[in-house]
Protein backbone atom coordinates (compact mmCIF):
# COMPACT_ATOMS: atom_id res chain seq x y z
CA MET A 1 48.80 106.87 -74.46
CA ARG A 2 52.73 108.58 -76.25
CA SER A 3 54.36 110.90 -73.86
CA PRO A 4 52.83 114.56 -73.17
CA LEU A 5 54.19 117.57 -74.54
CA ILE A 6 54.90 119.32 -70.97
CA ALA A 7 54.26 122.98 -71.50
CA VAL A 8 56.80 125.32 -69.46
CA LEU A 9 55.55 128.73 -68.61
CA ALA A 10 58.30 131.01 -68.53
CA GLY A 11 57.01 134.73 -69.62
CA GLY A 12 56.08 135.84 -66.51
CA ALA A 13 57.09 139.60 -65.46
CA SER A 14 58.23 138.46 -61.78
CA ARG A 15 57.58 141.94 -60.39
CA ARG A 16 57.32 140.08 -57.02
CA MET A 17 60.61 138.53 -57.27
CA GLY A 18 61.78 142.02 -58.73
CA ARG A 19 64.26 139.87 -61.02
CA ASP A 20 63.71 137.18 -63.66
CA LYS A 21 62.34 134.08 -61.60
CA PRO A 22 63.36 131.54 -63.48
CA PHE A 23 66.69 132.37 -63.09
CA VAL A 24 66.93 132.93 -59.30
CA ARG A 25 68.73 129.94 -57.98
CA VAL A 26 67.52 128.01 -55.42
CA ALA A 27 69.67 125.71 -53.97
CA GLY A 28 72.62 126.27 -55.69
CA ARG A 29 70.81 125.92 -59.75
CA ARG A 30 68.37 128.12 -61.43
CA MET A 31 65.10 127.54 -60.65
CA ALA A 32 64.16 126.77 -64.44
CA ASP A 33 66.31 123.80 -64.26
CA TRP A 34 65.10 122.28 -61.69
CA VAL A 35 61.86 122.22 -63.15
CA LEU A 36 63.27 121.31 -67.08
CA GLU A 37 65.01 118.42 -65.31
CA ALA A 38 61.38 116.71 -63.45
CA ALA A 39 59.56 117.66 -67.38
CA GLU A 40 61.86 116.04 -69.25
CA SER A 41 62.08 113.00 -67.25
CA VAL A 42 58.28 112.76 -68.13
CA GLY A 43 57.95 114.23 -72.32
CA GLU A 44 58.75 116.77 -74.30
CA VAL A 45 59.47 119.91 -73.49
CA LEU A 46 58.25 123.37 -74.65
CA VAL A 47 59.13 126.55 -72.84
CA VAL A 48 56.45 129.17 -73.60
CA GLY A 49 56.60 133.04 -73.12
CA ARG A 50 59.89 132.86 -74.32
CA LEU A 51 61.02 133.77 -78.30
CA GLY A 52 63.23 130.65 -80.04
CA THR A 53 64.58 129.01 -77.15
CA PHE A 54 65.01 129.03 -73.39
CA LEU A 55 68.05 127.54 -71.90
CA ASP A 56 68.61 125.58 -74.91
CA ARG A 57 65.01 124.17 -75.17
CA PRO A 58 62.69 125.12 -78.08
CA ALA A 59 60.55 128.22 -77.06
CA ALA A 60 57.39 129.81 -78.19
CA VAL A 61 55.82 133.02 -77.57
CA ASP A 62 52.24 133.13 -76.61
CA ILE A 63 50.13 133.20 -79.55
CA VAL A 64 47.50 135.95 -78.27
CA GLY A 65 50.28 137.98 -77.47
CA GLY A 66 51.10 140.74 -74.69
CA ARG A 67 51.22 139.98 -70.82
CA ARG A 68 48.00 137.77 -71.02
CA GLY A 69 48.88 134.98 -68.18
CA PRO A 70 49.04 131.25 -67.66
CA GLY A 71 46.24 131.15 -70.05
CA ALA A 72 47.98 132.32 -72.94
CA GLY A 73 50.75 129.88 -72.04
CA LEU A 74 48.63 127.21 -72.50
CA ALA A 75 46.78 128.15 -75.58
CA THR A 76 50.23 128.35 -77.14
CA ALA A 77 51.24 124.74 -75.87
CA LEU A 78 47.46 123.47 -76.67
CA ALA A 79 47.92 125.01 -80.45
CA ARG A 80 51.37 123.19 -80.68
CA ALA A 81 50.66 119.97 -79.37
CA ARG A 82 49.79 116.31 -80.60
CA GLY A 83 47.95 115.68 -77.94
CA PRO A 84 47.54 116.93 -74.16
CA VAL A 85 49.44 119.32 -72.52
CA VAL A 86 50.97 119.21 -69.01
CA LEU A 87 51.02 122.75 -67.70
CA VAL A 88 53.64 123.77 -65.39
CA ALA A 89 55.58 126.79 -64.08
CA ALA A 90 59.07 128.05 -64.54
CA ASP A 91 58.54 128.92 -61.14
CA GLN A 92 57.55 125.38 -59.36
CA PRO A 93 61.12 124.00 -58.47
CA TRP A 94 59.67 121.71 -56.16
CA LEU A 95 57.38 119.88 -59.13
CA ARG A 96 58.22 116.15 -59.11
CA PRO A 97 57.80 113.68 -61.86
CA THR A 98 55.52 111.05 -60.08
CA THR A 99 52.79 113.81 -60.19
CA LEU A 100 53.52 114.86 -63.40
CA ARG A 101 53.39 110.67 -64.55
CA ALA A 102 50.09 110.56 -62.19
CA LEU A 103 48.72 113.15 -64.04
CA VAL A 104 49.07 111.56 -67.01
CA GLU A 105 48.40 108.15 -66.31
CA ARG A 106 44.86 109.16 -64.93
CA PHE A 107 44.30 111.37 -68.00
CA ASP A 108 41.04 109.97 -69.99
CA GLY A 109 40.33 112.82 -72.73
CA ARG A 110 39.15 115.17 -69.76
CA ALA A 111 41.39 118.02 -68.05
CA VAL A 112 42.52 116.73 -64.93
CA VAL A 113 43.43 119.55 -61.85
CA PRO A 114 44.50 118.69 -58.82
CA ARG A 115 42.70 121.03 -56.11
CA GLU A 116 43.98 121.84 -53.05
CA ASP A 117 41.90 123.48 -50.03
CA GLY A 118 39.16 124.13 -53.44
CA HIS A 119 42.04 126.09 -54.88
CA PHE A 120 42.14 124.50 -58.70
CA GLN A 121 46.34 123.77 -59.37
CA VAL A 122 45.78 124.75 -62.87
CA THR A 123 50.27 125.09 -63.49
CA CYS A 124 50.23 121.39 -62.42
CA ALA A 125 47.33 120.04 -64.66
CA ILE A 126 47.21 118.04 -68.14
CA TYR A 127 44.78 119.70 -70.79
CA PRO A 128 43.20 118.20 -73.16
CA PRO A 129 43.78 119.09 -77.25
CA SER A 130 39.97 119.53 -77.51
CA LEU A 131 40.49 122.67 -74.89
CA ALA A 132 43.05 124.80 -77.47
CA ARG A 133 39.88 126.71 -78.99
CA PRO A 134 38.49 127.80 -75.45
CA MET A 135 41.77 128.19 -73.98
CA THR A 136 42.67 130.87 -76.90
CA HIS A 137 39.41 132.67 -77.26
CA ALA A 138 39.53 133.14 -73.15
CA ALA A 139 42.91 133.87 -73.20
CA ARG A 140 42.47 136.72 -76.09
CA LEU A 141 40.01 138.03 -73.54
CA GLY A 142 41.98 137.83 -70.43
CA ARG A 143 40.02 135.22 -68.80
CA SER A 144 41.80 132.67 -66.30
CA ILE A 145 41.96 128.75 -67.14
CA ARG A 146 39.52 128.18 -64.28
CA SER A 147 36.69 130.03 -66.56
CA VAL A 148 37.15 127.57 -69.31
CA LEU A 149 37.15 124.48 -66.76
CA GLU A 150 34.25 125.93 -65.22
CA THR A 151 32.25 124.74 -68.88
CA HIS A 152 33.95 121.91 -69.43
CA GLU A 153 33.81 118.13 -67.65
CA VAL A 154 37.24 118.12 -65.67
CA ASP A 155 38.81 115.33 -63.17
CA LEU A 156 39.76 117.22 -60.01
CA VAL A 157 41.96 115.50 -58.23
CA ASP A 158 41.54 115.71 -54.83
CA ASP A 159 43.09 112.21 -53.39
CA TRP A 160 46.85 113.26 -55.01
CA ALA A 161 48.44 112.76 -51.55
CA SER A 162 47.86 109.18 -52.61
CA TRP A 163 50.39 109.66 -55.66
CA GLY A 164 53.53 111.04 -52.60
CA GLU A 165 52.51 114.09 -53.33
CA ASP A 166 52.41 116.55 -50.59
CA GLY A 167 51.45 120.08 -52.56
CA ARG A 168 55.19 120.90 -53.34
CA SER A 169 55.01 120.40 -57.06
CA TRP A 170 52.90 123.34 -57.84
CA TYR A 171 54.58 125.77 -54.89
CA SER A 172 55.52 128.58 -57.17
CA VAL A 173 58.21 130.70 -55.90
CA ASP A 174 57.07 134.62 -55.96
CA THR A 175 59.52 135.87 -53.73
CA GLU A 176 62.86 135.48 -51.77
CA ASP A 177 61.07 134.44 -48.54
CA ALA A 178 59.35 131.57 -50.79
CA ILE A 179 62.73 129.91 -51.16
CA GLU A 180 63.01 130.17 -47.81
CA HIS A 181 59.66 128.65 -46.98
CA GLY A 182 60.00 125.76 -49.89
CA LEU A 183 63.26 125.08 -48.34
CA ALA A 184 61.78 124.58 -44.63
CA ALA A 185 58.91 122.90 -45.48
CA PHE A 186 60.07 120.76 -48.66
CA GLY A 187 63.64 120.12 -48.66
CA LEU A 188 65.78 120.44 -51.24
CA PRO A 189 64.35 120.47 -54.72
CA GLY A 190 64.43 117.13 -56.42
CA VAL A 191 64.96 114.61 -53.91
CA GLY A 192 61.69 113.27 -52.10
């Protein structure tokens, strides 16, 4: 399989953080810089939820309009991609390229979604182009990514620890306290 499109969600309202999360500094760098570095080591990057460019990368406004959550960003990326899309978020500074590559290697035409304690990690997963229409429809109705996955075949990954993953790749930073917790739990982003 050729390199997938890595869609980086960057259009959230950042209500809990109180400021634009991708620009919040973690270990001396903007959160989004950590994510973009990891994503670019695996494939072509498209930032979704922003207009034109974002930190000098191509960006696209959500095709369904308004603040409709990760599903709208995924729908946008799937509509633009020529193949599968790996979805991550700009507030996941501990994202690991190794985990992204493992998702790509495991891809067999179905969505590949890590599951931790019963929770689908939808913003660290790979999605097939066949979900473009159902995801766009669901996003327009305000439905979640998981609602689409529940009606399609999905490869749920429970053995992600075998990739060397410890949950850091989908750890999202929504508050200042979450930064401190992430540093204590995982150390500096970009290492390990």
